[in-house]
Amino acid sequence: MKGLIQRVSEASVTVDGQSVGAIGRGVLLLLGIERDDGPAEAKELCRKILSYRIFPDEQGRMNRSLQDIGGGLLVVPQFTLAADTRSGTRPGFSLAAKPEAANELYREFVQEATGCLGAELVAEGRFGANMQVQLVNDGPVTFMLEVNGVS
C-alpha cells in the first residue's frame, strides 16, 4: 500500500462540479492499493501517516505529526499509484488491487483514520470517480510512504 502525502494549508476534491471533501491545514493523502494489500497494511499505513512528523515545531523543525497539530486528513483514492513503471513508456496496472478489493480497503483506511482523528477532521474523495483535486502544498512538503507484507 502506498500513500503520497502532502502537507497542505488547504485541499479539496470535487466530482462533477460538486465539492465532496475539503480540509484546512493538514495532509492530503493520495492512496494507492496493491493486489497483495490487506487490512493489516491499511491499519499500519494509517498509523504511519497520522504519526509522521512533517509539521514544524517551535524551532521550525519538522517534529510534529498530524495528530499533534489536530489537522485534517483528505484521503483520495489514487489507482495510478499502483502502476508498474519499471519499463516502457506506458504504465502497467497488474500490481493494482481489483476495484472491489481496493474499495473495501479504502473504506477500511478511512474508517481507521476517522476512529483516530474524529469524523470532523477526515474528508475523502470518491472511489472510482473522475476527481478534481485542488491543494495549496505548504513547503512544499511531499513524501511517499509504503507498507508491504504487514499481515
C-alpha atoms as a PDB file:
ATOM      1  CA  MET A   1       0.000   0.000   0.000  1.00  0.00           C
ATOM      2  CA  LYS A   2       1.312   3.410  -0.946  1.00  0.00           C
ATOM      3  CA  GLY A   3       0.472   6.829   0.366  1.00  0.00           C
ATOM      4  CA  LEU A   4       1.718  10.013  -1.228  1.00  0.00           C
ATOM      5  CA  ILE A   5       1.286  12.646   1.474  1.00  0.00           C
ATOM      6  CA  GLN A   6       1.458  16.378   1.041  1.00  0.00           C
ATOM      7  CA  ARG A   7       1.457  18.917   3.858  1.00  0.00           C
ATOM      8  CA  VAL A   8      -1.213  21.432   2.889  1.00  0.00           C
ATOM      9  CA  SER A   9      -2.654  24.741   4.001  1.00  0.00           C
ATOM     10  CA  GLU A  10      -5.900  23.605   2.371  1.00  0.00           C
ATOM     11  CA  ALA A  11      -7.111  20.942  -0.054  1.00  0.00           C
ATOM     12  CA  SER A  12     -10.377  19.940  -1.664  1.00  0.00           C
ATOM     13  CA  VAL A  13     -11.904  17.427  -4.081  1.00  0.00           C
ATOM     14  CA  THR A  14     -14.762  17.965  -6.493  1.00  0.00           C
ATOM     15  CA  VAL A  15     -16.691  15.449  -8.597  1.00  0.00           C
ATOM     16  CA  ASP A  16     -18.954  16.646 -11.400  1.00  0.00           C
ATOM     17  CA  GLY A  17     -18.627  20.211 -10.129  1.00  0.00           C
ATOM     18  CA  GLN A  18     -19.733  19.293  -6.591  1.00  0.00           C
ATOM     19  CA  SER A  19     -17.428  19.518  -3.574  1.00  0.00           C
ATOM     20  CA  VAL A  20     -17.134  16.082  -1.952  1.00  0.00           C
ATOM     21  CA  GLY A  21     -14.359  16.756   0.564  1.00  0.00           C
ATOM     22  CA  ALA A  22     -12.233  19.595   1.901  1.00  0.00           C
ATOM     23  CA  ILE A  23      -9.798  20.326   4.711  1.00  0.00           C
ATOM     24  CA  GLY A  24      -7.843  23.276   6.028  1.00  0.00           C
ATOM     25  CA  ARG A  25      -4.349  22.775   7.439  1.00  0.00           C
ATOM     26  CA  GLY A  26      -3.327  19.125   7.361  1.00  0.00           C
ATOM     27  CA  VAL A  27      -2.416  16.321   4.978  1.00  0.00           C
ATOM     28  CA  LEU A  28      -3.648  15.433   1.516  1.00  0.00           C
ATOM     29  CA  LEU A  29      -3.206  11.698   1.031  1.00  0.00           C
ATOM     30  CA  LEU A  30      -3.234  10.053  -2.390  1.00  0.00           C
ATOM     31  CA  LEU A  31      -3.802   6.371  -1.532  1.00  0.00           C
ATOM     32  CA  GLY A  32      -2.680   3.545  -3.831  1.00  0.00           C
ATOM     33  CA  ILE A  33      -3.802  -0.010  -3.073  1.00  0.00           C
ATOM     34  CA  GLU A  34      -1.967  -3.011  -4.499  1.00  0.00           C
ATOM     35  CA  ARG A  35      -3.213  -6.562  -5.037  1.00  0.00           C
ATOM     36  CA  ASP A  36      -1.374  -8.085  -2.052  1.00  0.00           C
ATOM     37  CA  ASP A  37      -2.571  -5.447   0.421  1.00  0.00           C
ATOM     38  CA  GLY A  38      -4.965  -6.291   3.231  1.00  0.00           C
ATOM     39  CA  PRO A  39      -6.439  -4.821   6.406  1.00  0.00           C
ATOM     40  CA  ALA A  40      -3.099  -5.005   8.233  1.00  0.00           C
ATOM     41  CA  GLU A  41      -1.438  -2.820   5.592  1.00  0.00           C
ATOM     42  CA  ALA A  42      -4.298  -0.320   5.732  1.00  0.00           C
ATOM     43  CA  LYS A  43      -4.040  -0.073   9.523  1.00  0.00           C
ATOM     44  CA  GLU A  44      -0.239   0.227   9.510  1.00  0.00           C
ATOM     45  CA  LEU A  45      -0.138   2.856   6.764  1.00  0.00           C
ATOM     46  CA  CYS A  46      -2.810   4.855   8.577  1.00  0.00           C
ATOM     47  CA  ARG A  47      -0.817   4.708  11.815  1.00  0.00           C
ATOM     48  CA  LYS A  48       2.320   5.802   9.989  1.00  0.00           C
ATOM     49  CA  ILE A  49       0.641   8.718   8.203  1.00  0.00           C
ATOM     50  CA  LEU A  50      -1.091  10.066  11.297  1.00  0.00           C
ATOM     51  CA  SER A  51       2.128   9.956  13.329  1.00  0.00           C
ATOM     52  CA  TYR A  52       4.597  11.023  10.590  1.00  0.00           C
ATOM     53  CA  ARG A  53       6.333  14.199  11.763  1.00  0.00           C
ATOM     54  CA  ILE A  54       6.089  16.705   8.905  1.00  0.00           C
ATOM     55  CA  PHE A  55       4.802  19.831  10.687  1.00  0.00           C
ATOM     56  CA  PRO A  56       7.125  22.416  12.250  1.00  0.00           C
ATOM     57  CA  ASP A  57       7.687  22.723  15.964  1.00  0.00           C
ATOM     58  CA  GLU A  58       8.554  25.997  17.734  1.00  0.00           C
ATOM     59  CA  GLN A  59      12.080  25.900  16.261  1.00  0.00           C
ATOM     60  CA  GLY A  60      10.787  25.319  12.734  1.00  0.00           C
ATOM     61  CA  ARG A  61      11.920  21.673  12.613  1.00  0.00           C
ATOM     62  CA  MET A  62       9.616  19.001  11.189  1.00  0.00           C
ATOM     63  CA  ASN A  63       8.890  17.448  14.555  1.00  0.00           C
ATOM     64  CA  ARG A  64       5.088  17.408  14.865  1.00  0.00           C
ATOM     65  CA  SER A  65       2.586  14.955  13.406  1.00  0.00           C
ATOM     66  CA  LEU A  66      -0.910  15.409  12.029  1.00  0.00           C
ATOM     67  CA  GLN A  67      -2.260  14.113  15.332  1.00  0.00           C
ATOM     68  CA  ASP A  68      -0.057  16.560  17.260  1.00  0.00           C
ATOM     69  CA  ILE A  69      -1.436  19.594  15.421  1.00  0.00           C
ATOM     70  CA  GLY A  70      -5.051  18.417  15.218  1.00  0.00           C
ATOM     71  CA  GLY A  71      -5.030  18.866  11.442  1.00  0.00           C
ATOM     72  CA  GLY A  72      -7.317  17.492   8.778  1.00  0.00           C
ATOM     73  CA  LEU A  73      -6.784  14.493   6.512  1.00  0.00           C
ATOM     74  CA  LEU A  74      -8.146  14.395   2.959  1.00  0.00           C
ATOM     75  CA  VAL A  75      -7.981  10.819   1.612  1.00  0.00           C
ATOM     76  CA  VAL A  76      -8.117  10.489  -2.179  1.00  0.00           C
ATOM     77  CA  PRO A  77      -8.073   7.024  -3.787  1.00  0.00           C
ATOM     78  CA  GLN A  78      -5.348   7.051  -6.452  1.00  0.00           C
ATOM     79  CA  PHE A  79      -5.363   3.938  -8.644  1.00  0.00           C
ATOM     80  CA  THR A  80      -2.355   5.126 -10.661  1.00  0.00           C
ATOM     81  CA  LEU A  81      -0.016   4.963  -7.647  1.00  0.00           C
ATOM     82  CA  ALA A  82      -0.139   1.172  -8.007  1.00  0.00           C
ATOM     83  CA  ALA A  83       1.255   1.397 -11.550  1.00  0.00           C
ATOM     84  CA  ASP A  84       4.323  -0.571 -12.616  1.00  0.00           C
ATOM     85  CA  THR A  85       6.547   1.975 -14.359  1.00  0.00           C
ATOM     86  CA  ARG A  86       9.780  -0.011 -14.444  1.00  0.00           C
ATOM     87  CA  SER A  87       9.843  -0.469 -18.203  1.00  0.00           C
ATOM     88  CA  GLY A  88       8.433   1.002 -21.367  1.00  0.00           C
ATOM     89  CA  THR A  89       6.586   4.254 -21.832  1.00  0.00           C
ATOM     90  CA  ARG A  90       3.149   3.151 -20.668  1.00  0.00           C
ATOM     91  CA  PRO A  91       2.243   2.210 -17.084  1.00  0.00           C
ATOM     92  CA  GLY A  92       1.064  -1.297 -16.308  1.00  0.00           C
ATOM     93  CA  PHE A  93      -1.553  -1.981 -13.662  1.00  0.00           C
ATOM     94  CA  SER A  94      -1.049  -5.662 -12.911  1.00  0.00           C
ATOM     95  CA  LEU A  95       0.116  -4.754  -9.381  1.00  0.00           C
ATOM     96  CA  ALA A  96      -3.084  -2.851  -8.550  1.00  0.00           C
ATOM     97  CA  ALA A  97      -5.811  -4.400  -6.441  1.00  0.00           C
ATOM     98  CA  LYS A  98      -9.067  -5.288  -8.180  1.00  0.00           C
ATOM     99  CA  PRO A  99     -11.629  -2.469  -7.787  1.00  0.00           C
ATOM    100  CA  GLU A 100     -13.862  -4.339  -5.306  1.00  0.00           C
ATOM    101  CA  ALA A 101     -10.950  -5.256  -3.031  1.00  0.00           C
ATOM    102  CA  ALA A 102      -9.390  -1.801  -3.356  1.00  0.00           C
ATOM    103  CA  ASN A 103     -12.647  -0.071  -2.454  1.00  0.00           C
ATOM    104  CA  GLU A 104     -13.040  -2.289   0.612  1.00  0.00           C
ATOM    105  CA  LEU A 105      -9.506  -1.444   1.817  1.00  0.00           C
ATOM    106  CA  TYR A 106     -10.026   2.226   1.015  1.00  0.00           C
ATOM    107  CA  ARG A 107     -13.163   2.192   3.199  1.00  0.00           C
ATOM    108  CA  GLU A 108     -11.221   0.408   5.984  1.00  0.00           C
ATOM    109  CA  PHE A 109      -8.463   3.012   5.777  1.00  0.00           C
ATOM    110  CA  VAL A 110     -10.947   5.899   6.035  1.00  0.00           C
ATOM    111  CA  GLN A 111     -12.709   4.194   8.945  1.00  0.00           C
ATOM    112  CA  GLU A 112      -9.390   3.703  10.774  1.00  0.00           C
ATOM    113  CA  ALA A 113      -8.402   7.345  10.218  1.00  0.00           C
ATOM    114  CA  THR A 114     -11.822   8.548  11.357  1.00  0.00           C
ATOM    115  CA  GLY A 115     -11.531   6.461  14.514  1.00  0.00           C
ATOM    116  CA  CYS A 116      -8.177   8.055  15.313  1.00  0.00           C
ATOM    117  CA  LEU A 117      -8.812  11.672  14.305  1.00  0.00           C
ATOM    118  CA  GLY A 118     -12.585  12.045  14.528  1.00  0.00           C
ATOM    119  CA  ALA A 119     -15.108  12.450  11.722  1.00  0.00           C
ATOM    120  CA  GLU A 120     -14.779  16.235  11.688  1.00  0.00           C
ATOM    121  CA  LEU A 121     -11.103  16.003  10.653  1.00  0.00           C
ATOM    122  CA  VAL A 122     -11.344  13.348   7.910  1.00  0.00           C
ATOM    123  CA  ALA A 123     -12.586  14.132   4.412  1.00  0.00           C
ATOM    124  CA  GLU A 124     -12.418  11.960   1.331  1.00  0.00           C
ATOM    125  CA  GLY A 125     -12.638  11.771  -2.391  1.00  0.00           C
ATOM    126  CA  ARG A 126     -14.925   9.361  -4.209  1.00  0.00           C
ATOM    127  CA  PHE A 127     -13.655   5.916  -5.150  1.00  0.00           C
ATOM    128  CA  GLY A 128     -13.727   5.278  -8.905  1.00  0.00           C
ATOM    129  CA  ALA A 129     -14.790   8.819  -9.806  1.00  0.00           C
ATOM    130  CA  ASN A 130     -13.069  11.357 -12.023  1.00  0.00           C
ATOM    131  CA  MET A 131     -11.973  13.814  -9.341  1.00  0.00           C
ATOM    132  CA  GLN A 132     -10.510  17.283  -9.466  1.00  0.00           C
ATOM    133  CA  VAL A 133      -8.109  17.836  -6.585  1.00  0.00           C
ATOM    134  CA  GLN A 134      -7.025  21.302  -5.507  1.00  0.00           C
ATOM    135  CA  LEU A 135      -4.373  21.978  -2.912  1.00  0.00           C
ATOM    136  CA  VAL A 136      -2.012  24.516  -1.505  1.00  0.00           C
ATOM    137  CA  ASN A 137       1.126  22.500  -0.732  1.00  0.00           C
ATOM    138  CA  ASP A 138       2.752  24.016   2.357  1.00  0.00           C
ATOM    139  CA  GLY A 139       6.521  23.998   1.954  1.00  0.00           C
ATOM    140  CA  PRO A 140       6.282  22.231  -0.438  1.00  0.00           C
ATOM    141  CA  VAL A 141       6.437  19.089   1.673  1.00  0.00           C
ATOM    142  CA  THR A 142       5.699  15.754  -0.041  1.00  0.00           C
ATOM    143  CA  PHE A 143       6.596  12.179   0.966  1.00  0.00           C
ATOM    144  CA  MET A 144       5.855   8.692  -0.377  1.00  0.00           C
ATOM    145  CA  LEU A 145       5.121   6.219   2.411  1.00  0.00           C
ATOM    146  CA  GLU A 146       4.788   2.495   1.756  1.00  0.00           C
ATOM    147  CA  VAL A 147       3.969  -0.587   3.776  1.00  0.00           C
ATOM    148  CA  ASN A 148       4.340  -4.106   2.413  1.00  0.00           C
ATOM    149  CA  GLY A 149       3.683  -7.526   3.850  1.00  0.00           C
ATOM    150  CA  VAL A 150       2.477  -6.446   7.281  1.00  0.00           C
ATOM    151  CA  SER A 151      -0.099  -9.264   7.560  1.00  0.00           C
END
